[in-house]
Every structure is written in C-alpha cells, then in structure tokens.
C-alpha atoms as a PDB file:
ATOM      1  CA  MET A   1     129.332  77.173  72.213  1.00  0.00           C
ATOM      2  CA  GLY A   2     131.185  76.234  75.351  1.00  0.00           C
ATOM      3  CA  GLN A   3     133.295  73.738  73.377  1.00  0.00           C
ATOM      4  CA  SER A   4     135.332  76.204  71.291  1.00  0.00           C
ATOM      5  CA  CYS A   5     135.243  79.649  72.932  1.00  0.00           C
ATOM      6  CA  ALA A   6     133.875  81.714  75.809  1.00  0.00           C
ATOM      7  CA  ILE A   7     131.669  84.798  75.493  1.00  0.00           C
ATOM      8  CA  GLN A   8     131.721  87.579  78.085  1.00  0.00           C
ATOM      9  CA  LEU A   9     129.789  90.845  78.095  1.00  0.00           C
ATOM     10  CA  ASP A  10     130.511  93.968  80.115  1.00  0.00           C
ATOM     11  CA  PHE A  11     127.579  96.403  80.120  1.00  0.00           C
ATOM     12  CA  ARG A  12     128.606 100.071  80.181  1.00  0.00           C
ATOM     13  CA  THR A  13     126.906 103.433  79.865  1.00  0.00           C
ATOM     14  CA  PRO A  14     127.704 105.534  76.769  1.00  0.00           C
ATOM     15  CA  GLN A  15     130.169 107.422  79.007  1.00  0.00           C
ATOM     16  CA  GLY A  16     131.925 104.174  79.966  1.00  0.00           C
ATOM     17  CA  ALA A  17     130.609 103.855  83.533  1.00  0.00           C
ATOM     18  CA  PRO A  18     129.262 100.558  84.927  1.00  0.00           C
ATOM     19  CA  VAL A  19     125.504 100.044  84.501  1.00  0.00           C
ATOM     20  CA  PRO A  20     123.458  99.810  87.750  1.00  0.00           C
ATOM     21  CA  ARG A  21     122.159  96.348  88.642  1.00  0.00           C
ATOM     22  CA  VAL A  22     119.035  95.028  90.338  1.00  0.00           C
ATOM     23  CA  SER A  23     117.958  91.651  91.694  1.00  0.00           C
ATOM     24  CA  GLN A  24     115.880  89.582  89.308  1.00  0.00           C
ATOM     25  CA  PRO A  25     114.674  86.023  90.023  1.00  0.00           C
ATOM     26  CA  ALA A  26     115.534  83.515  87.316  1.00  0.00           C
ATOM     27  CA  ALA A  27     112.328  81.573  88.042  1.00  0.00           C
ATOM     28  CA  ARG A  28     109.200  81.886  90.190  1.00  0.00           C
ATOM     29  CA  THR A  29     110.655  79.404  92.665  1.00  0.00           C
ATOM     30  CA  SER A  30     113.758  81.546  93.249  1.00  0.00           C
ATOM     31  CA  ARG A  31     114.102  83.167  96.650  1.00  0.00           C
ATOM     32  CA  ARG A  32     115.021  86.842  96.794  1.00  0.00           C
ATOM     33  CA  GLU A  33     118.463  86.042  98.171  1.00  0.00           C
ATOM     34  CA  ASP A  34     119.029  83.657  95.249  1.00  0.00           C
ATOM     35  CA  SER A  35     118.082  86.229  92.609  1.00  0.00           C
ATOM     36  CA  ASP A  36     120.542  87.172  89.901  1.00  0.00           C
ATOM     37  CA  GLN A  37     122.009  90.668  89.726  1.00  0.00           C
ATOM     38  CA  VAL A  38     121.323  91.977  86.221  1.00  0.00           C
ATOM     39  CA  PRO A  39     121.909  95.367  84.551  1.00  0.00           C
ATOM     40  CA  VAL A  40     118.887  97.657  84.624  1.00  0.00           C
ATOM     41  CA  PHE A  41     117.771 100.172  81.993  1.00  0.00           C
ATOM     42  CA  ARG A  42     114.946 102.638  81.428  1.00  0.00           C
ATOM     43  CA  SER A  43     113.094 103.412  78.231  1.00  0.00           C
ATOM     44  CA  LYS A  44     115.174 105.583  75.871  1.00  0.00           C
ATOM     45  CA  ASP A  45     118.418 104.418  77.513  1.00  0.00           C
ATOM     46  CA  SER A  46     121.236 103.176  75.310  1.00  0.00           C
ATOM     47  CA  VAL A  47     122.079  99.510  75.843  1.00  0.00           C
ATOM     48  CA  CYS A  48     125.775  99.234  75.164  1.00  0.00           C
ATOM     49  CA  GLY A  49     129.030  97.708  76.327  1.00  0.00           C
ATOM     50  CA  GLU A  50     131.865  95.475  75.229  1.00  0.00           C
ATOM     51  CA  ILE A  51     131.820  91.816  74.199  1.00  0.00           C
ATOM     52  CA  LYS A  52     134.886  89.622  74.621  1.00  0.00           C
ATOM     53  CA  ILE A  53     135.175  86.333  72.745  1.00  0.00           C
ATOM     54  CA  THR A  54     138.010  84.059  73.804  1.00  0.00           C
ATOM     55  CA  PRO A  55     138.870  80.854  71.913  1.00  0.00           C
ATOM     56  CA  ILE A  56     140.207  77.856  73.799  1.00  0.00           C
ATOM     57  CA  PRO A  57     144.015  78.209  73.935  1.00  0.00           C
ATOM     58  CA  GLY A  58     145.701  76.476  71.031  1.00  0.00           C
ATOM     59  CA  ARG A  59     142.522  76.284  68.934  1.00  0.00           C
ATOM     60  CA  ARG A  60     141.434  78.301  65.926  1.00  0.00           C
ATOM     61  CA  VAL A  61     137.750  79.127  65.577  1.00  0.00           C
ATOM     62  CA  ASP A  62     136.485  79.806  62.058  1.00  0.00           C
ATOM     63  CA  HIS A  63     133.230  81.754  61.923  1.00  0.00           C
ATOM     64  CA  GLN A  64     130.821  83.276  59.424  1.00  0.00           C
ATOM     65  CA  GLY A  65     130.319  86.512  61.333  1.00  0.00           C
ATOM     66  CA  ILE A  66     129.490  87.749  64.834  1.00  0.00           C
ATOM     67  CA  HIS A  67     126.376  89.671  65.775  1.00  0.00           C
ATOM     68  CA  VAL A  68     124.489  90.868  68.848  1.00  0.00           C
ATOM     69  CA  GLN A  69     120.709  91.098  69.314  1.00  0.00           C
ATOM     70  CA  LEU A  70     118.532  93.001  71.761  1.00  0.00           C
ATOM     71  CA  ILE A  71     115.382  90.942  72.290  1.00  0.00           C
ATOM     72  CA  GLY A  72     112.153  91.583  74.172  1.00  0.00           C
ATOM     73  CA  GLU A  73     109.790  88.634  74.407  1.00  0.00           C
ATOM     74  CA  ILE A  74     106.572  87.491  76.046  1.00  0.00           C
ATOM     75  CA  GLU A  75     106.255  83.793  76.780  1.00  0.00           C
ATOM     76  CA  LEU A  76     102.984  82.203  77.869  1.00  0.00           C
ATOM     77  CA  ALA A  77     102.804  78.773  79.480  1.00  0.00           C
ATOM     78  CA  SER A  78     100.800  77.658  76.441  1.00  0.00           C
ATOM     79  CA  ASP A  79     103.487  78.816  73.996  1.00  0.00           C
ATOM     80  CA  ARG A  80     105.528  75.642  74.606  1.00  0.00           C
ATOM     81  CA  GLY A  81     108.868  77.382  74.248  1.00  0.00           C
ATOM     82  CA  ARG A  82     107.862  79.596  71.299  1.00  0.00           C
ATOM     83  CA  PRO A  83     107.766  83.115  72.773  1.00  0.00           C
ATOM     84  CA  HIS A  84     106.322  86.177  71.052  1.00  0.00           C
ATOM     85  CA  GLU A  85     109.093  88.676  70.226  1.00  0.00           C
ATOM     86  CA  PHE A  86     107.891  92.281  70.487  1.00  0.00           C
ATOM     87  CA  LEU A  87     111.417  93.708  70.167  1.00  0.00           C
ATOM     88  CA  SER A  88     114.263  92.391  68.008  1.00  0.00           C
ATOM     89  CA  LEU A  89     117.233  94.537  66.997  1.00  0.00           C
ATOM     90  CA  VAL A  90     120.467  93.245  65.460  1.00  0.00           C
ATOM     91  CA  ARG A  91     123.957  94.730  65.158  1.00  0.00           C
ATOM     92  CA  ASP A  92     126.606  93.029  63.002  1.00  0.00           C
ATOM     93  CA  LEU A  93     129.917  93.221  64.836  1.00  0.00           C
ATOM     94  CA  SER A  94     132.405  91.261  62.735  1.00  0.00           C
ATOM     95  CA  PRO A  95     132.573  89.864  59.190  1.00  0.00           C
ATOM     96  CA  PRO A  96     133.501  86.199  58.580  1.00  0.00           C
ATOM     97  CA  GLY A  97     136.976  85.308  59.779  1.00  0.00           C
ATOM     98  CA  GLU A  98     138.883  83.304  62.352  1.00  0.00           C
ATOM     99  CA  LEU A  99     139.661  83.635  66.042  1.00  0.00           C
ATOM    100  CA  THR A 100     143.023  82.681  67.485  1.00  0.00           C
ATOM    101  CA  THR A 101     143.218  85.213  70.330  1.00  0.00           C
ATOM    102  CA  GLN A 102     140.689  87.145  72.415  1.00  0.00           C
ATOM    103  CA  LEU A 103     138.531  89.529  70.364  1.00  0.00           C
ATOM    104  CA  SER A 104     136.937  92.640  71.933  1.00  0.00           C
ATOM    105  CA  LEU A 105     133.908  94.155  70.211  1.00  0.00           C
ATOM    106  CA  PRO A 106     132.032  97.270  71.377  1.00  0.00           C
ATOM    107  CA  PHE A 107     128.297  97.410  70.672  1.00  0.00           C
ATOM    108  CA  ALA A 108     125.458  99.886  71.159  1.00  0.00           C
ATOM    109  CA  PHE A 109     121.685  99.995  70.817  1.00  0.00           C
ATOM    110  CA  GLU A 110     121.031 103.705  71.154  1.00  0.00           C
ATOM    111  CA  ALA A 111     117.997 105.357  72.786  1.00  0.00           C
ATOM    112  CA  ILE A 112     115.811 102.262  72.608  1.00  0.00           C
ATOM    113  CA  GLU A 113     112.092 102.345  73.399  1.00  0.00           C
ATOM    114  CA  LEU A 114     111.666  99.895  76.290  1.00  0.00           C
ATOM    115  CA  ALA A 115     107.996 100.392  77.054  1.00  0.00           C
ATOM    116  CA  HIS A 116     107.330  97.380  79.296  1.00  0.00           C
ATOM    117  CA  GLU A 117     108.940  96.264  82.537  1.00  0.00           C
ATOM    118  CA  ASN A 118     110.051  92.700  83.156  1.00  0.00           C
ATOM    119  CA  TYR A 119     107.322  90.471  84.559  1.00  0.00           C
ATOM    120  CA  LEU A 120     107.379  86.919  85.906  1.00  0.00           C
ATOM    121  CA  GLY A 121     103.933  85.586  86.757  1.00  0.00           C
ATOM    122  CA  LEU A 122     101.895  82.408  87.031  1.00  0.00           C
ATOM    123  CA  LYS A 123     101.478  81.847  83.294  1.00  0.00           C
ATOM    124  CA  VAL A 124     103.432  84.720  81.741  1.00  0.00           C
ATOM    125  CA  ARG A 125     107.021  85.868  81.472  1.00  0.00           C
ATOM    126  CA  LEU A 126     108.081  89.149  79.861  1.00  0.00           C
ATOM    127  CA  ARG A 127     111.825  89.509  79.622  1.00  0.00           C
ATOM    128  CA  TYR A 128     114.649  91.267  77.815  1.00  0.00           C
ATOM    129  CA  LEU A 129     117.999  89.800  76.849  1.00  0.00           C
ATOM    130  CA  VAL A 130     121.110  90.568  74.852  1.00  0.00           C
ATOM    131  CA  ARG A 131     122.098  87.600  72.689  1.00  0.00           C
ATOM    132  CA  VAL A 132     125.613  87.236  71.287  1.00  0.00           C
ATOM    133  CA  SER A 133     126.084  84.783  68.403  1.00  0.00           C
ATOM    134  CA  VAL A 134     129.243  83.530  66.729  1.00  0.00           C
ATOM    135  CA  LEU A 135     127.881  82.150  63.470  1.00  0.00           C
ATOM    136  CA  ARG A 136     129.334  78.837  62.356  1.00  0.00           C
ATOM    137  CA  GLY A 137     128.227  76.248  59.839  1.00  0.00           C
ATOM    138  CA  LEU A 138     126.694  72.821  60.336  1.00  0.00           C
ATOM    139  CA  GLY A 139     124.540  73.865  63.287  1.00  0.00           C
ATOM    140  CA  SER A 140     127.485  74.735  65.530  1.00  0.00           C
ATOM    141  CA  THR A 141     126.684  78.437  66.046  1.00  0.00           C
ATOM    142  CA  VAL A 142     127.837  79.607  69.463  1.00  0.00           C
ATOM    143  CA  THR A 143     125.232  81.654  71.375  1.00  0.00           C
ATOM    144  CA  ARG A 144     125.033  83.149  74.846  1.00  0.00           C
ATOM    145  CA  ASP A 145     122.154  85.129  76.357  1.00  0.00           C
ATOM    146  CA  PHE A 146     122.619  87.920  78.909  1.00  0.00           C
ATOM    147  CA  PRO A 147     119.401  88.946  80.727  1.00  0.00           C
ATOM    148  CA  VAL A 148     118.694  92.608  81.435  1.00  0.00           C
ATOM    149  CA  ALA A 149     115.985  94.329  83.468  1.00  0.00           C
ATOM    150  CA  VAL A 150     113.782  97.283  82.558  1.00  0.00           C
ATOM    151  CA  ARG A 151     112.372  99.621  85.225  1.00  0.00           C
ATOM    152  CA  ASN A 152     110.427 102.691  84.159  1.00  0.00           C
ATOM    153  CA  PRO A 153     109.759 105.153  87.004  1.00  0.00           C
ATOM    154  CA  VAL A 154     106.428 106.917  86.639  1.00  0.00           C
ATOM    155  CA  ALA A 155     104.756 109.762  88.454  1.00  0.00           C
ATOM    156  CA  SER A 156     102.679 108.782  91.476  1.00  0.00           C
ATOM    157  CA  PRO A 157      99.094 107.994  90.450  1.00  0.00           C
ATOM    158  CA  VAL A 158      96.344 110.502  91.110  1.00  0.00           C
ATOM    159  CA  ALA A 159      95.009 109.646  94.548  1.00  0.00           C
ATOM    160  CA  GLY A 160      91.337 110.065  93.714  1.00  0.00           C
ATOM    161  CA  PRO A 161      88.521 109.916  96.267  1.00  0.00           C
ATOM    162  CA  PRO A 162      88.547 107.499  99.222  1.00  0.00           C
ATOM    163  CA  ILE A 163      87.030 104.053  98.750  1.00  0.00           C
ATOM    164  CA  LYS A 164      84.190 103.428 101.205  1.00  0.00           C
ATOM    165  CA  MET A 165      81.869 100.430 101.368  1.00  0.00           C
ATOM    166  CA  GLU A 166      79.515  98.680 103.771  1.00  0.00           C
ATOM    167  CA  VAL A 167      79.294  94.881 103.759  1.00  0.00           C
ATOM    168  CA  GLY A 168      77.942  92.206 106.038  1.00  0.00           C
ATOM    169  CA  ILE A 169      75.701  89.261 106.783  1.00  0.00           C
ATOM    170  CA  GLU A 170      72.084  90.046 107.601  1.00  0.00           C
ATOM    171  CA  ASP A 171      71.467  90.247 111.370  1.00  0.00           C
ATOM    172  CA  CYS A 172      74.964  88.835 112.064  1.00  0.00           C
ATOM    173  CA  LEU A 173      77.702  91.168 110.903  1.00  0.00           C
ATOM    174  CA  HIS A 174      77.779  94.678 109.504  1.00  0.00           C
ATOM    175  CA  ILE A 175      81.043  96.499 108.866  1.00  0.00           C
ATOM    176  CA  GLU A 176      82.127  99.628 107.063  1.00  0.00           C
ATOM    177  CA  PHE A 177      85.602  99.849 105.573  1.00  0.00           C
ATOM    178  CA  GLU A 178      87.405 102.781 104.057  1.00  0.00           C
ATOM    179  CA  TYR A 179      90.714 103.163 102.217  1.00  0.00           C
ATOM    180  CA  ASP A 180      92.217 106.596 101.679  1.00  0.00           C
ATOM    181  CA  ARG A 181      92.408 106.050  97.882  1.00  0.00           C
ATOM    182  CA  GLY A 182      92.236 103.427  95.155  1.00  0.00           C
ATOM    183  CA  ALA A 183      95.517 103.914  93.270  1.00  0.00           C
ATOM    184  CA  PHE A 184      98.980 103.405  94.745  1.00  0.00           C
ATOM    185  CA  SER A 185     102.611 103.455  93.655  1.00  0.00           C
ATOM    186  CA  LEU A 186     104.826 100.468  94.501  1.00  0.00           C
ATOM    187  CA  GLY A 187     106.358 102.167  97.545  1.00  0.00           C
ATOM    188  CA  ASP A 188     103.151 103.667  98.928  1.00  0.00           C
ATOM    189  CA  VAL A 189     101.346 103.077 102.218  1.00  0.00           C
ATOM    190  CA  VAL A 190      97.727 101.888 102.293  1.00  0.00           C
ATOM    191  CA  VAL A 191      95.876 103.797 104.996  1.00  0.00           C
ATOM    192  CA  GLY A 192      92.325 103.005 106.053  1.00  0.00           C
ATOM    193  CA  ARG A 193      90.000 101.850 108.803  1.00  0.00           C
ATOM    194  CA  ILE A 194      87.406  99.180 109.585  1.00  0.00           C
ATOM    195  CA  TYR A 195      84.317 100.166 111.594  1.00  0.00           C
ATOM    196  CA  PHE A 196      82.211  97.412 113.190  1.00  0.00           C
ATOM    197  CA  LEU A 197      78.551  98.464 113.159  1.00  0.00           C
ATOM    198  CA  LEU A 198      77.103  95.071 114.198  1.00  0.00           C
ATOM    199  CA  VAL A 199      78.913  91.993 115.549  1.00  0.00           C
ATOM    200  CA  ARG A 200      76.963  88.807 116.342  1.00  0.00           C
ATOM    201  CA  VAL A 201      79.544  86.250 115.193  1.00  0.00           C
ATOM    202  CA  LYS A 202      82.716  85.163 116.973  1.00  0.00           C
ATOM    203  CA  ILE A 203      85.577  86.548 114.912  1.00  0.00           C
ATOM    204  CA  LYS A 204      89.081  85.201 115.629  1.00  0.00           C
ATOM    205  CA  HIS A 205      91.126  87.570 113.521  1.00  0.00           C
ATOM    206  CA  MET A 206      91.097  89.814 110.473  1.00  0.00           C
ATOM    207  CA  GLU A 207      93.592  90.177 107.606  1.00  0.00           C
ATOM    208  CA  VAL A 208      94.182  92.390 104.608  1.00  0.00           C
ATOM    209  CA  GLU A 209      95.273  90.433 101.532  1.00  0.00           C
ATOM    210  CA  ILE A 210      96.956  91.732  98.397  1.00  0.00           C
ATOM    211  CA  LYS A 211      95.755  89.690  95.426  1.00  0.00           C
ATOM    212  CA  ARG A 212      97.309  89.696  91.978  1.00  0.00           C
ATOM    213  CA  ARG A 213      95.067  88.751  89.050  1.00  0.00           C
ATOM    214  CA  GLU A 214      96.841  87.730  85.870  1.00  0.00           C
ATOM    215  CA  THR A 215      94.775  87.569  82.678  1.00  0.00           C
ATOM    216  CA  VAL A 216      96.189  85.770  79.645  1.00  0.00           C
ATOM    217  CA  GLY A 217      94.724  86.498  76.223  1.00  0.00           C
ATOM    218  CA  ALA A 218      92.083  89.042  75.254  1.00  0.00           C
ATOM    219  CA  GLY A 219      88.370  89.125  74.566  1.00  0.00           C
ATOM    220  CA  ALA A 220      86.481  85.830  74.633  1.00  0.00           C
ATOM    221  CA  GLN A 221      89.754  83.905  74.851  1.00  0.00           C
ATOM    222  CA  ALA A 222      90.911  85.614  78.049  1.00  0.00           C
ATOM    223  CA  ARG A 223      91.645  83.409  81.062  1.00  0.00           C
ATOM    224  CA  SER A 224      92.410  84.719  84.555  1.00  0.00           C
ATOM    225  CA  GLU A 225      94.226  83.304  87.575  1.00  0.00           C
ATOM    226  CA  SER A 226      94.761  84.915  90.963  1.00  0.00           C
ATOM    227  CA  GLU A 227      97.374  84.505  93.665  1.00  0.00           C
ATOM    228  CA  THR A 228      97.844  85.962  97.128  1.00  0.00           C
ATOM    229  CA  VAL A 229     100.944  88.142  97.133  1.00  0.00           C
ATOM    230  CA  ALA A 230     100.798  89.145 100.797  1.00  0.00           C
ATOM    231  CA  LYS A 231      98.751  88.789 103.982  1.00  0.00           C
ATOM    232  CA  TYR A 232      98.794  91.266 106.844  1.00  0.00           C
ATOM    233  CA  GLU A 233      96.943  90.666 110.109  1.00  0.00           C
ATOM    234  CA  ILE A 234      95.256  93.827 111.364  1.00  0.00           C
ATOM    235  CA  MET A 235      93.200  92.382 114.245  1.00  0.00           C
ATOM    236  CA  ASP A 236      93.577  89.451 116.633  1.00  0.00           C
ATOM    237  CA  GLY A 237      90.579  88.596 118.778  1.00  0.00           C
ATOM    238  CA  ALA A 238      86.884  89.409 118.760  1.00  0.00           C
ATOM    239  CA  PRO A 239      85.862  93.013 118.029  1.00  0.00           C
ATOM    240  CA  ALA A 240      83.111  94.861 119.849  1.00  0.00           C
ATOM    241  CA  ARG A 241      80.301  96.829 118.290  1.00  0.00           C
ATOM    242  CA  GLY A 242      81.494 100.350 117.487  1.00  0.00           C
ATOM    243  CA  GLU A 243      85.159  99.361 117.460  1.00  0.00           C
ATOM    244  CA  ILE A 244      87.405 100.965 114.832  1.00  0.00           C
ATOM    245  CA  ILE A 245      90.433  99.055 113.504  1.00  0.00           C
ATOM    246  CA  PRO A 246      93.062 101.193 111.736  1.00  0.00           C
ATOM    247  CA  ILE A 247      94.895  99.960 108.635  1.00  0.00           C
ATOM    248  CA  ARG A 248      98.433 101.000 107.762  1.00  0.00           C
ATOM    249  CA  LEU A 249     100.032  98.674 105.209  1.00  0.00           C
ATOM    250  CA  PHE A 250     103.456  99.443 103.716  1.00  0.00           C
ATOM    251  CA  LEU A 251     103.693  98.076 100.157  1.00  0.00           C
ATOM    252  CA  ASP A 252     107.454  98.337  99.677  1.00  0.00           C
ATOM    253  CA  PRO A 253     108.399  94.952 101.262  1.00  0.00           C
ATOM    254  CA  PHE A 254     106.132  92.980  98.928  1.00  0.00           C
ATOM    255  CA  ASP A 255     106.897  91.561  95.488  1.00  0.00           C
ATOM    256  CA  LEU A 256     104.633  93.869  93.494  1.00  0.00           C
ATOM    257  CA  THR A 257     104.764  95.010  89.880  1.00  0.00           C
ATOM    258  CA  PRO A 258     103.024  97.801  87.985  1.00  0.00           C
ATOM    259  CA  SER A 259      99.476  97.071  86.873  1.00  0.00           C
ATOM    260  CA  VAL A 260      99.386  96.636  83.089  1.00  0.00           C
ATOM    261  CA  GLU A 261      96.551  96.375  80.596  1.00  0.00           C
ATOM    262  CA  ASN A 262      96.564  94.210  77.464  1.00  0.00           C
ATOM    263  CA  VAL A 263     100.302  94.095  76.737  1.00  0.00           C
ATOM    264  CA  HIS A 264     100.588  93.229  73.024  1.00  0.00           C
ATOM    265  CA  ASN A 265      97.202  91.466  73.283  1.00  0.00           C
ATOM    266  CA  ARG A 266      98.920  88.834  75.423  1.00  0.00           C
ATOM    267  CA  PHE A 267      98.299  89.583  79.098  1.00  0.00           C
ATOM    268  CA  SER A 268      97.102  92.017  81.780  1.00  0.00           C
ATOM    269  CA  VAL A 269      97.920  92.326  85.494  1.00  0.00           C
ATOM    270  CA  LYS A 270      95.777  93.935  88.205  1.00  0.00           C
ATOM    271  CA  TYR A 271      95.965  94.089  92.004  1.00  0.00           C
ATOM    272  CA  PHE A 272      93.200  93.997  94.613  1.00  0.00           C
ATOM    273  CA  LEU A 273      92.923  94.542  98.372  1.00  0.00           C
ATOM    274  CA  ASN A 274      90.812  91.873 100.082  1.00  0.00           C
ATOM    275  CA  LEU A 275      89.498  92.042 103.623  1.00  0.00           C
ATOM    276  CA  VAL A 276      89.389  88.582 105.234  1.00  0.00           C
ATOM    277  CA  LEU A 277      87.580  87.821 108.505  1.00  0.00           C
ATOM    278  CA  VAL A 278      88.037  84.402 110.130  1.00  0.00           C
ATOM    279  CA  ASP A 279      85.449  83.194 112.642  1.00  0.00           C
ATOM    280  CA  ASP A 280      85.564  80.341 115.156  1.00  0.00           C
ATOM    281  CA  GLU A 281      84.238  77.934 112.542  1.00  0.00           C
ATOM    282  CA  ASP A 282      86.895  79.014 109.971  1.00  0.00           C
END
C-alpha cells in the first residue's frame, strides 16, 4: 500500500501508557544486536493502541472499509508460505469512505488468551502480528503487519531429585556425573559434578553442551532435528583418577526458549545437557 498512504501503529496499554518492548530476531540469521524491538504481551493482556493512516498529500484514497486483525500463526518449512493460523480476531474500524487527511483509529483486543510464546527454530516459526488493512477494489488493498512478542512468566519448575549416572568404556574410562536436578527455568544455574573413577585414555578437554531438539509433526509423521545451542568448557587437560570436576553453568546468556509439547499438533521443543569428552585422537 506504500503507493497511496502510510500506516503507523502506536501500541498502548488500556491506561494509555507505552507497551514494554523486547528484542526479537526477524530471522534465524539475525544477530542479537540486529534484532527488532517489538511490543511484548502476556496471556490475558489487552492488545490495543492507535492506528494512523496518512494519504499522500494531494491525493484522495477511496476505500471499502478499514479493519485490524490479531493473528497467531505457526509456519513449518514444509508449509511453503501457507502458515497454520491458530488465532485470528478481527475488528472493523471504519466503514467505506475516502481519505484526504490523516485518520486516527483506536483499536482494542481485550483480555486475549495468548497461550504460546514466540518461537523461531530450524523448521518452525510461531509468531503473532497485528495486521492493518485498508480495503480497496481490484486487488489494491493496502496492508501492513506489525509483529508482537508474547512472553508468559511461569513458576519455577519443581526441582525433583538429582540426576546421577555412570558411563564409560570398558577397561578404559569410567565416570560418574551428577546434576542437581532435571528441570530448570530460563534464568537458572546448572550445578553438578563429574567424578573420574577410571582414566586410561588421554583426554584433552571436556565440555557441557546444551542441545535443542525440535520435532515437527506428531505420531508416525514426526521428524526431529537437533542443534547445539551452547558449549561450555569445564575441563582443559587430562584428568587423574579420583578427580572431581565441578559444573556451574549459567543459562541466562544463552538463546533458550521454554520446552513445549505438541503445540497444535505441529511441533515440540525439548532441551538436553550433553557431556562431551575429547581425546587426543578427537
């Protein structure tokens, strides 16, 4: 619609205050410093504000009505540009008419259920947007999308019992590792230890990896892909038998999301902690 008029949107709270904003990457290749600042909401918030539509000076814009939509959609790589809409609300703002000067239109979607947070993964994107449309005939409808973010704070997960396991290679390596628990919030600290019971291989260093596994589809059609979100070196050099290596990994600096299970039968996301030992032969 850039040819005939400009659309602006100012998000406001129901009391008229500015809406808080958070960084949100426009694409997986975006760096954090290049992320867009978008308004952020929680479930049961009201999404509201004011829309301003300004025609090009000296031009009259005839239209068949103006409306605003709040859309939540999940797009898979296999969807080929045809996302699944799980939320679609519409508010009519203006009947058919003409624009000769700037038009200001307040709008509100009150106490909306926003159950899922935004997610941008390997094969999946879940996003929310507010779409403003100036309806015109002959395929010349003017539309502009304004992305928004959803963050839903939750109570810290129940810690549960420690995770303890012994692994190794027969007659070569035997280690015991322990993490203080198996469930973490996004800003938590992973605390644990590695105990070397038997060491007969030359180990160069040891890392803790955070892996994200993204599963698309459900049942027999489900397909999973994993990526390494972070690596943290906890030991450099060869350990001795009986040596204990402490683990203290802060999660806050990493690009993590909540774990989710079977969102609208489209995707799931889980995280795993991997212990990686590298020997002289790599």
